[in-house]
Amino acid sequence: MSETVIKAEHVRKTYRSYKNNFQRVKHMLILSSAGEKNRVLTDVSFEIKKGEKVTIFTPSGGGKSTLLRILADIIKPEAGTVEVKGEPKLILDYKAGFDVNLTGLQNYRIRSKIEGWSDETIKAREKEIFKLAGLSHEKETRLKYYPRGGASRLGFAILTAETGDIILMDERISSGSTTINDRYTERFSELISPETTLVMAGNDFKTNLLLCERGIVIHEGKVVFDGPIEEALEYHKAHSTHTRKNKRAKAVEVENFDADDGDDAF
């Protein structure tokens, strides 16, 4: 039996949202009650075995990104525990750290340094990285003049040059171009061995189905389904549709209620 490499027990996380920067600063300086509390994770528990490929599905803003950052130890849960055996590789925000006024080559060198690559490795991988990104002829072009999706492709190529035994992915592989999408997926498939543990955010359903065999659906901060990826996706879609209908119905109720109040007042 495979060993458990990720274990989350009763994880809870609340964020505070603010109407403006004044509320944010006020809360930071004097710990006031300014802002509104939003609990994105209420009570999340699951285990993931070594070599499993899992997608986390939530409604928009439902906490999948937060959960992946907790697993990567970037942020801490306010309650519950998380155990991860190994050094996870978090893949998120392909364009983080890029400067649009610098060339692709300059951005590549800076981002690679941030990733901890040696000068020799940076030089050795340069041709391969730009070829994968489809930017072999744009190395000396400033990022602001790159074709749509070019910066993201460059970031993807850099971030996936090295992976670990555990990969946490909070980004779309999709770029809009079928040819490049296929190249992305092929690249990712090459990097994932049977022993690699993969946890993805449910952003790109086609890729989720291709790379994962298990899906975990989180709704209103709790795990509501955990099973085969196809069933998880269907459950997620049905649940999301039901949620949207309820929201629309409530909005109509409020609108009608306000209208009735207006009639009674006159």
C-alpha atoms as a PDB file:
ATOM      1  CA  MET A   1       0.000   0.000   0.000  1.00  0.00           C
ATOM      2  CA  SER A   2       1.309   3.462  -0.944  1.00  0.00           C
ATOM      3  CA  GLU A   3       2.255   5.794   1.857  1.00  0.00           C
ATOM      4  CA  THR A   4       0.283   8.940   2.631  1.00  0.00           C
ATOM      5  CA  VAL A   5       2.286  12.017   1.579  1.00  0.00           C
ATOM      6  CA  ILE A   6      -0.363  14.707   2.143  1.00  0.00           C
ATOM      7  CA  LYS A   7      -2.762  14.728   5.069  1.00  0.00           C
ATOM      8  CA  ALA A   8      -5.146  17.564   5.921  1.00  0.00           C
ATOM      9  CA  GLU A   9      -7.332  17.403   9.012  1.00  0.00           C
ATOM     10  CA  HIS A  10     -10.114  19.876   9.834  1.00  0.00           C
ATOM     11  CA  VAL A  11      -8.394  22.744   8.018  1.00  0.00           C
ATOM     12  CA  ARG A  12     -10.022  26.139   8.415  1.00  0.00           C
ATOM     13  CA  LYS A  13      -9.071  29.491   6.915  1.00  0.00           C
ATOM     14  CA  THR A  14     -10.751  32.880   7.057  1.00  0.00           C
ATOM     15  CA  TYR A  15      -9.834  36.004   5.151  1.00  0.00           C
ATOM     16  CA  ARG A  16     -10.909  39.556   5.800  1.00  0.00           C
ATOM     17  CA  SER A  17     -12.041  41.627   2.827  1.00  0.00           C
ATOM     18  CA  TYR A  18     -11.993  45.421   2.811  1.00  0.00           C
ATOM     19  CA  LYS A  19     -13.999  48.050   0.990  1.00  0.00           C
ATOM     20  CA  ASN A  20     -10.933  50.265   0.656  1.00  0.00           C
ATOM     21  CA  ASN A  21      -7.277  50.601   1.650  1.00  0.00           C
ATOM     22  CA  PHE A  22      -8.195  52.737   4.660  1.00  0.00           C
ATOM     23  CA  GLN A  23     -10.078  49.806   6.217  1.00  0.00           C
ATOM     24  CA  ARG A  24      -7.143  47.512   5.499  1.00  0.00           C
ATOM     25  CA  VAL A  25      -4.570  49.826   7.112  1.00  0.00           C
ATOM     26  CA  LYS A  26      -6.868  50.489  10.081  1.00  0.00           C
ATOM     27  CA  HIS A  27      -7.173  46.763  10.751  1.00  0.00           C
ATOM     28  CA  MET A  28      -3.425  46.199  10.415  1.00  0.00           C
ATOM     29  CA  LEU A  29      -2.446  49.066  12.712  1.00  0.00           C
ATOM     30  CA  ILE A  30      -5.012  48.830  15.478  1.00  0.00           C
ATOM     31  CA  LEU A  31      -6.534  45.388  14.875  1.00  0.00           C
ATOM     32  CA  SER A  32      -9.974  46.909  14.477  1.00  0.00           C
ATOM     33  CA  SER A  33     -13.007  44.994  13.269  1.00  0.00           C
ATOM     34  CA  ALA A  34     -12.874  46.854   9.942  1.00  0.00           C
ATOM     35  CA  GLY A  35     -13.594  44.705   6.928  1.00  0.00           C
ATOM     36  CA  GLU A  36     -15.745  41.648   6.432  1.00  0.00           C
ATOM     37  CA  LYS A  37     -14.700  38.119   7.395  1.00  0.00           C
ATOM     38  CA  ASN A  38     -14.910  35.502   4.622  1.00  0.00           C
ATOM     39  CA  ARG A  39     -14.371  31.899   5.640  1.00  0.00           C
ATOM     40  CA  VAL A  40     -13.198  30.066   2.515  1.00  0.00           C
ATOM     41  CA  LEU A  41     -12.304  26.786   4.239  1.00  0.00           C
ATOM     42  CA  THR A  42     -14.517  25.615   7.092  1.00  0.00           C
ATOM     43  CA  ASP A  43     -13.595  22.009   7.817  1.00  0.00           C
ATOM     44  CA  VAL A  44     -11.480  20.302   5.148  1.00  0.00           C
ATOM     45  CA  SER A  45     -10.002  16.829   5.651  1.00  0.00           C
ATOM     46  CA  PHE A  46      -8.458  14.381   3.154  1.00  0.00           C
ATOM     47  CA  GLU A  47      -5.447  12.173   2.524  1.00  0.00           C
ATOM     48  CA  ILE A  48      -3.427  11.792  -0.672  1.00  0.00           C
ATOM     49  CA  LYS A  49      -1.184   8.806  -1.334  1.00  0.00           C
ATOM     50  CA  LYS A  50       2.171   8.873  -3.080  1.00  0.00           C
ATOM     51  CA  GLY A  51       1.721   8.874  -6.841  1.00  0.00           C
ATOM     52  CA  GLU A  52      -1.914  10.007  -6.821  1.00  0.00           C
ATOM     53  CA  LYS A  53      -3.026  12.687  -9.265  1.00  0.00           C
ATOM     54  CA  VAL A  54      -5.807  14.789  -7.728  1.00  0.00           C
ATOM     55  CA  THR A  55      -7.848  17.832  -8.771  1.00  0.00           C
ATOM     56  CA  ILE A  56      -9.396  20.184  -6.209  1.00  0.00           C
ATOM     57  CA  PHE A  57     -12.733  21.583  -7.436  1.00  0.00           C
ATOM     58  CA  THR A  58     -14.468  24.549  -5.792  1.00  0.00           C
ATOM     59  CA  PRO A  59     -16.792  27.306  -6.997  1.00  0.00           C
ATOM     60  CA  SER A  60     -15.062  30.536  -7.982  1.00  0.00           C
ATOM     61  CA  GLY A  61     -13.469  31.994  -4.859  1.00  0.00           C
ATOM     62  CA  GLY A  62     -14.178  28.765  -3.002  1.00  0.00           C
ATOM     63  CA  GLY A  63     -10.723  28.261  -1.550  1.00  0.00           C
ATOM     64  CA  LYS A  64      -8.830  25.940  -3.909  1.00  0.00           C
ATOM     65  CA  SER A  65      -5.973  28.411  -4.333  1.00  0.00           C
ATOM     66  CA  THR A  66      -5.886  29.030  -0.594  1.00  0.00           C
ATOM     67  CA  LEU A  67      -5.756  25.290   0.071  1.00  0.00           C
ATOM     68  CA  LEU A  68      -2.853  24.729  -2.318  1.00  0.00           C
ATOM     69  CA  ARG A  69      -0.915  27.559  -0.673  1.00  0.00           C
ATOM     70  CA  ILE A  70      -1.554  25.985   2.720  1.00  0.00           C
ATOM     71  CA  LEU A  71      -0.253  22.650   1.427  1.00  0.00           C
ATOM     72  CA  ALA A  72       2.841  24.470   0.140  1.00  0.00           C
ATOM     73  CA  ASP A  73       3.321  26.087   3.580  1.00  0.00           C
ATOM     74  CA  ILE A  74       3.082  29.584   2.111  1.00  0.00           C
ATOM     75  CA  ILE A  75       0.193  30.475   4.388  1.00  0.00           C
ATOM     76  CA  LYS A  76      -0.944  28.890   7.629  1.00  0.00           C
ATOM     77  CA  PRO A  77      -4.429  27.577   8.458  1.00  0.00           C
ATOM     78  CA  GLU A  78      -6.135  29.224  11.403  1.00  0.00           C
ATOM     79  CA  ALA A  79      -7.221  25.793  12.621  1.00  0.00           C
ATOM     80  CA  GLY A  80      -6.535  22.180  11.748  1.00  0.00           C
ATOM     81  CA  THR A  81      -3.321  20.448  10.706  1.00  0.00           C
ATOM     82  CA  VAL A  82      -1.493  19.709   7.469  1.00  0.00           C
ATOM     83  CA  GLU A  83       1.269  17.145   7.015  1.00  0.00           C
ATOM     84  CA  VAL A  84       3.289  16.974   3.788  1.00  0.00           C
ATOM     85  CA  LYS A  85       6.083  14.436   3.400  1.00  0.00           C
ATOM     86  CA  GLY A  86       8.586  15.908   0.974  1.00  0.00           C
ATOM     87  CA  GLU A  87       9.319  19.260  -0.644  1.00  0.00           C
ATOM     88  CA  PRO A  88       6.340  20.311  -2.781  1.00  0.00           C
ATOM     89  CA  LYS A  89       6.859  22.267  -5.978  1.00  0.00           C
ATOM     90  CA  LEU A  90       4.207  24.988  -6.238  1.00  0.00           C
ATOM     91  CA  ILE A  91       3.423  26.156  -9.754  1.00  0.00           C
ATOM     92  CA  LEU A  92       1.454  29.393  -9.748  1.00  0.00           C
ATOM     93  CA  ASP A  93       1.355  32.769 -11.435  1.00  0.00           C
ATOM     94  CA  TYR A  94       3.580  32.149 -14.436  1.00  0.00           C
ATOM     95  CA  LYS A  95       4.288  35.875 -14.864  1.00  0.00           C
ATOM     96  CA  ALA A  96       5.253  36.668 -11.275  1.00  0.00           C
ATOM     97  CA  GLY A  97       8.448  38.714 -11.115  1.00  0.00           C
ATOM     98  CA  PHE A  98       8.437  39.625 -14.804  1.00  0.00           C
ATOM     99  CA  ASP A  99       9.118  43.205 -15.905  1.00  0.00           C
ATOM    100  CA  VAL A 100       7.338  44.154 -19.144  1.00  0.00           C
ATOM    101  CA  ASN A 101      10.034  46.736 -19.924  1.00  0.00           C
ATOM    102  CA  LEU A 102      12.764  44.081 -19.999  1.00  0.00           C
ATOM    103  CA  THR A 103      13.403  41.617 -22.804  1.00  0.00           C
ATOM    104  CA  GLY A 104      12.335  38.009 -22.658  1.00  0.00           C
ATOM    105  CA  LEU A 105      15.951  36.957 -22.191  1.00  0.00           C
ATOM    106  CA  GLN A 106      16.488  39.379 -19.319  1.00  0.00           C
ATOM    107  CA  ASN A 107      13.299  38.195 -17.624  1.00  0.00           C
ATOM    108  CA  TYR A 108      14.310  34.576 -18.153  1.00  0.00           C
ATOM    109  CA  ARG A 109      17.662  35.131 -16.451  1.00  0.00           C
ATOM    110  CA  ILE A 110      16.133  36.991 -13.506  1.00  0.00           C
ATOM    111  CA  ARG A 111      13.340  34.460 -12.966  1.00  0.00           C
ATOM    112  CA  SER A 112      15.784  31.559 -13.257  1.00  0.00           C
ATOM    113  CA  LYS A 113      17.994  33.121 -10.608  1.00  0.00           C
ATOM    114  CA  ILE A 114      14.954  33.418  -8.348  1.00  0.00           C
ATOM    115  CA  GLU A 115      14.353  29.704  -8.943  1.00  0.00           C
ATOM    116  CA  GLY A 116      17.888  29.058  -7.713  1.00  0.00           C
ATOM    117  CA  TRP A 117      19.514  27.971 -10.976  1.00  0.00           C
ATOM    118  CA  SER A 118      23.257  28.293 -11.461  1.00  0.00           C
ATOM    119  CA  ASP A 119      24.700  30.436 -14.278  1.00  0.00           C
ATOM    120  CA  GLU A 120      25.709  27.254 -16.107  1.00  0.00           C
ATOM    121  CA  THR A 121      22.177  25.833 -15.870  1.00  0.00           C
ATOM    122  CA  ILE A 122      20.609  29.092 -17.033  1.00  0.00           C
ATOM    123  CA  LYS A 123      22.820  29.139 -20.109  1.00  0.00           C
ATOM    124  CA  ALA A 124      22.328  25.438 -20.854  1.00  0.00           C
ATOM    125  CA  ARG A 125      18.514  25.634 -20.667  1.00  0.00           C
ATOM    126  CA  GLU A 126      18.036  28.902 -22.519  1.00  0.00           C
ATOM    127  CA  LYS A 127      17.422  27.464 -25.991  1.00  0.00           C
ATOM    128  CA  GLU A 128      15.098  24.732 -24.706  1.00  0.00           C
ATOM    129  CA  ILE A 129      13.040  27.151 -22.593  1.00  0.00           C
ATOM    130  CA  PHE A 130      12.400  29.614 -25.413  1.00  0.00           C
ATOM    131  CA  LYS A 131      11.650  26.810 -27.863  1.00  0.00           C
ATOM    132  CA  LEU A 132       9.054  25.328 -25.515  1.00  0.00           C
ATOM    133  CA  ALA A 133       7.488  28.776 -25.066  1.00  0.00           C
ATOM    134  CA  GLY A 134       7.367  29.265 -28.842  1.00  0.00           C
ATOM    135  CA  LEU A 135       9.485  32.396 -28.483  1.00  0.00           C
ATOM    136  CA  SER A 136      12.798  31.430 -30.054  1.00  0.00           C
ATOM    137  CA  HIS A 137      12.782  34.586 -32.200  1.00  0.00           C
ATOM    138  CA  GLU A 138      11.543  36.928 -29.452  1.00  0.00           C
ATOM    139  CA  LYS A 139      14.323  36.565 -26.895  1.00  0.00           C
ATOM    140  CA  GLU A 140      15.516  40.144 -27.423  1.00  0.00           C
ATOM    141  CA  THR A 141      11.989  41.581 -27.571  1.00  0.00           C
ATOM    142  CA  ARG A 142      10.621  43.436 -24.585  1.00  0.00           C
ATOM    143  CA  LEU A 143       7.780  41.648 -22.826  1.00  0.00           C
ATOM    144  CA  LYS A 144       5.341  44.496 -23.471  1.00  0.00           C
ATOM    145  CA  TYR A 145       5.536  43.652 -27.180  1.00  0.00           C
ATOM    146  CA  TYR A 146       5.112  39.881 -26.785  1.00  0.00           C
ATOM    147  CA  PRO A 147       2.161  38.174 -28.462  1.00  0.00           C
ATOM    148  CA  ARG A 148      -0.825  37.416 -26.264  1.00  0.00           C
ATOM    149  CA  GLY A 149       0.041  34.696 -23.772  1.00  0.00           C
ATOM    150  CA  GLY A 150       3.761  34.924 -24.548  1.00  0.00           C
ATOM    151  CA  ALA A 151       4.840  35.935 -21.049  1.00  0.00           C
ATOM    152  CA  SER A 152       2.750  33.150 -19.496  1.00  0.00           C
ATOM    153  CA  ARG A 153       4.304  30.598 -21.842  1.00  0.00           C
ATOM    154  CA  LEU A 154       7.787  31.745 -20.886  1.00  0.00           C
ATOM    155  CA  GLY A 155       6.927  31.514 -17.194  1.00  0.00           C
ATOM    156  CA  PHE A 156       5.429  28.050 -17.640  1.00  0.00           C
ATOM    157  CA  ALA A 157       8.544  26.805 -19.400  1.00  0.00           C
ATOM    158  CA  ILE A 158      10.751  28.088 -16.565  1.00  0.00           C
ATOM    159  CA  LEU A 159       8.581  26.779 -13.732  1.00  0.00           C
ATOM    160  CA  THR A 160       8.269  23.301 -15.203  1.00  0.00           C
ATOM    161  CA  ALA A 161      11.967  22.886 -16.009  1.00  0.00           C
ATOM    162  CA  GLU A 162      12.395  21.360 -12.561  1.00  0.00           C
ATOM    163  CA  THR A 163       9.789  19.518 -10.528  1.00  0.00           C
ATOM    164  CA  GLY A 164       9.707  17.547  -7.306  1.00  0.00           C
ATOM    165  CA  ASP A 165       8.028  14.422  -5.987  1.00  0.00           C
ATOM    166  CA  ILE A 166       4.980  16.528  -5.089  1.00  0.00           C
ATOM    167  CA  ILE A 167       3.601  19.105  -7.527  1.00  0.00           C
ATOM    168  CA  LEU A 168       0.960  21.634  -6.483  1.00  0.00           C
ATOM    169  CA  MET A 169      -0.441  23.470  -9.485  1.00  0.00           C
ATOM    170  CA  ASP A 170      -2.640  26.539  -9.267  1.00  0.00           C
ATOM    171  CA  GLU A 171      -2.618  27.761 -12.843  1.00  0.00           C
ATOM    172  CA  ARG A 172      -4.248  27.046 -16.166  1.00  0.00           C
ATOM    173  CA  ILE A 173      -2.115  25.210 -18.674  1.00  0.00           C
ATOM    174  CA  SER A 174      -4.421  26.485 -21.395  1.00  0.00           C
ATOM    175  CA  SER A 175      -3.111  29.457 -23.387  1.00  0.00           C
ATOM    176  CA  GLY A 176      -5.725  29.850 -26.106  1.00  0.00           C
ATOM    177  CA  SER A 177      -3.634  28.254 -28.870  1.00  0.00           C
ATOM    178  CA  THR A 178      -4.387  24.589 -29.591  1.00  0.00           C
ATOM    179  CA  THR A 179      -0.823  23.922 -30.748  1.00  0.00           C
ATOM    180  CA  ILE A 180       0.710  25.476 -27.651  1.00  0.00           C
ATOM    181  CA  ASN A 181      -1.872  23.860 -25.368  1.00  0.00           C
ATOM    182  CA  ASP A 182      -0.870  20.456 -26.731  1.00  0.00           C
ATOM    183  CA  ARG A 183       2.786  21.346 -26.187  1.00  0.00           C
ATOM    184  CA  TYR A 184       2.048  22.384 -22.592  1.00  0.00           C
ATOM    185  CA  THR A 185       0.151  19.194 -21.829  1.00  0.00           C
ATOM    186  CA  GLU A 186       2.794  17.015 -23.473  1.00  0.00           C
ATOM    187  CA  ARG A 187       5.498  18.763 -21.460  1.00  0.00           C
ATOM    188  CA  PHE A 188       3.626  18.288 -18.226  1.00  0.00           C
ATOM    189  CA  SER A 189       2.915  14.641 -18.978  1.00  0.00           C
ATOM    190  CA  GLU A 190       6.638  14.063 -19.519  1.00  0.00           C
ATOM    191  CA  LEU A 191       7.473  15.549 -16.124  1.00  0.00           C
ATOM    192  CA  ILE A 192       4.958  13.485 -14.169  1.00  0.00           C
ATOM    193  CA  SER A 193       6.105   9.962 -13.369  1.00  0.00           C
ATOM    194  CA  PRO A 194       3.948   7.254 -11.729  1.00  0.00           C
ATOM    195  CA  GLU A 195       5.649   8.149  -8.422  1.00  0.00           C
ATOM    196  CA  THR A 196       4.899  11.872  -8.732  1.00  0.00           C
ATOM    197  CA  THR A 197       2.081  13.186  -6.563  1.00  0.00           C
ATOM    198  CA  LEU A 198       0.081  15.896  -8.339  1.00  0.00           C
ATOM    199  CA  VAL A 199      -2.537  18.195  -6.828  1.00  0.00           C
ATOM    200  CA  MET A 200      -4.168  20.624  -9.276  1.00  0.00           C
ATOM    201  CA  ALA A 201      -6.711  23.395  -8.971  1.00  0.00           C
ATOM    202  CA  GLY A 202      -9.823  22.682 -11.035  1.00  0.00           C
ATOM    203  CA  ASN A 203      -9.259  25.471 -13.553  1.00  0.00           C
ATOM    204  CA  ASP A 204      -8.685  23.602 -16.786  1.00  0.00           C
ATOM    205  CA  PHE A 205     -11.159  20.706 -16.995  1.00  0.00           C
ATOM    206  CA  LYS A 206      -9.641  19.114 -20.104  1.00  0.00           C
ATOM    207  CA  THR A 207      -6.220  18.929 -18.465  1.00  0.00           C
ATOM    208  CA  ASN A 208      -7.716  17.827 -15.137  1.00  0.00           C
ATOM    209  CA  LEU A 209      -9.345  14.830 -16.849  1.00  0.00           C
ATOM    210  CA  LEU A 210      -6.187  14.016 -18.777  1.00  0.00           C
ATOM    211  CA  LEU A 211      -3.725  14.130 -15.878  1.00  0.00           C
ATOM    212  CA  CYS A 212      -5.762  13.193 -12.806  1.00  0.00           C
ATOM    213  CA  GLU A 213      -7.694  10.133 -11.718  1.00  0.00           C
ATOM    214  CA  ARG A 214      -9.245  11.541  -8.534  1.00  0.00           C
ATOM    215  CA  GLY A 215     -11.224  14.665  -7.735  1.00  0.00           C
ATOM    216  CA  ILE A 216     -12.083  16.363  -4.457  1.00  0.00           C
ATOM    217  CA  VAL A 217     -15.036  18.765  -4.500  1.00  0.00           C
ATOM    218  CA  ILE A 218     -15.198  21.474  -1.841  1.00  0.00           C
ATOM    219  CA  HIS A 219     -18.381  23.478  -1.395  1.00  0.00           C
ATOM    220  CA  GLU A 220     -19.069  26.068   1.291  1.00  0.00           C
ATOM    221  CA  GLY A 221     -15.696  25.249   2.845  1.00  0.00           C
ATOM    222  CA  LYS A 222     -16.243  21.491   3.236  1.00  0.00           C
ATOM    223  CA  VAL A 223     -15.441  18.357   1.233  1.00  0.00           C
ATOM    224  CA  VAL A 224     -18.709  17.217  -0.345  1.00  0.00           C
ATOM    225  CA  PHE A 225     -17.330  14.641  -2.802  1.00  0.00           C
ATOM    226  CA  ASP A 226     -14.129  12.600  -3.096  1.00  0.00           C
ATOM    227  CA  GLY A 227     -13.849  10.029  -5.845  1.00  0.00           C
ATOM    228  CA  PRO A 228     -13.086   9.320  -9.524  1.00  0.00           C
ATOM    229  CA  ILE A 229     -12.200  12.438 -11.511  1.00  0.00           C
ATOM    230  CA  GLU A 230     -15.052  12.078 -14.032  1.00  0.00           C
ATOM    231  CA  GLU A 231     -17.670  11.792 -11.281  1.00  0.00           C
ATOM    232  CA  ALA A 232     -16.078  14.621  -9.320  1.00  0.00           C
ATOM    233  CA  LEU A 233     -16.214  16.942 -12.331  1.00  0.00           C
ATOM    234  CA  GLU A 234     -19.864  16.121 -13.002  1.00  0.00           C
ATOM    235  CA  TYR A 235     -20.702  16.652  -9.337  1.00  0.00           C
ATOM    236  CA  HIS A 236     -18.847  19.968  -9.349  1.00  0.00           C
ATOM    237  CA  LYS A 237     -20.628  21.183 -12.494  1.00  0.00           C
ATOM    238  CA  ALA A 238     -24.057  20.184 -11.186  1.00  0.00           C
ATOM    239  CA  HIS A 239     -23.391  21.718  -7.789  1.00  0.00           C
ATOM    240  CA  SER A 240     -22.057  24.946  -9.314  1.00  0.00           C
ATOM    241  CA  THR A 241     -25.109  25.247 -11.592  1.00  0.00           C
ATOM    242  CA  HIS A 242     -27.436  24.696  -8.631  1.00  0.00           C
ATOM    243  CA  THR A 243     -25.567  27.333  -6.611  1.00  0.00           C
ATOM    244  CA  ARG A 244     -25.781  29.900  -9.404  1.00  0.00           C
ATOM    245  CA  LYS A 245     -29.529  29.282  -9.796  1.00  0.00           C
ATOM    246  CA  ASN A 246     -30.057  29.778  -6.072  1.00  0.00           C
ATOM    247  CA  LYS A 247     -28.101  33.032  -6.143  1.00  0.00           C
ATOM    248  CA  ARG A 248     -30.186  34.307  -9.067  1.00  0.00           C
ATOM    249  CA  ALA A 249     -33.408  33.284  -7.307  1.00  0.00           C
ATOM    250  CA  LYS A 250     -32.373  35.103  -4.130  1.00  0.00           C
ATOM    251  CA  ALA A 251     -31.489  38.191  -6.145  1.00  0.00           C
ATOM    252  CA  VAL A 252     -34.967  38.174  -7.730  1.00  0.00           C
ATOM    253  CA  GLU A 253     -36.559  37.711  -4.292  1.00  0.00           C
ATOM    254  CA  VAL A 254     -34.695  40.735  -2.927  1.00  0.00           C
ATOM    255  CA  GLU A 255     -35.611  42.808  -5.972  1.00  0.00           C
ATOM    256  CA  ASN A 256     -39.307  41.888  -5.674  1.00  0.00           C
ATOM    257  CA  PHE A 257     -39.264  42.494  -1.923  1.00  0.00           C
ATOM    258  CA  ASP A 258     -37.812  45.976  -2.425  1.00  0.00           C
ATOM    259  CA  ALA A 259     -40.400  46.713  -5.102  1.00  0.00           C
ATOM    260  CA  ASP A 260     -43.243  45.645  -2.802  1.00  0.00           C
ATOM    261  CA  ASP A 261     -41.883  47.831  -0.018  1.00  0.00           C
ATOM    262  CA  GLY A 262     -41.902  50.766  -2.389  1.00  0.00           C
ATOM    263  CA  ASP A 263     -45.544  50.195  -3.346  1.00  0.00           C
ATOM    264  CA  ASP A 264     -46.639  49.900   0.287  1.00  0.00           C
ATOM    265  CA  ALA A 265     -44.842  53.093   1.199  1.00  0.00           C
ATOM    266  CA  PHE A 266     -46.930  55.062  -1.227  1.00  0.00           C
END
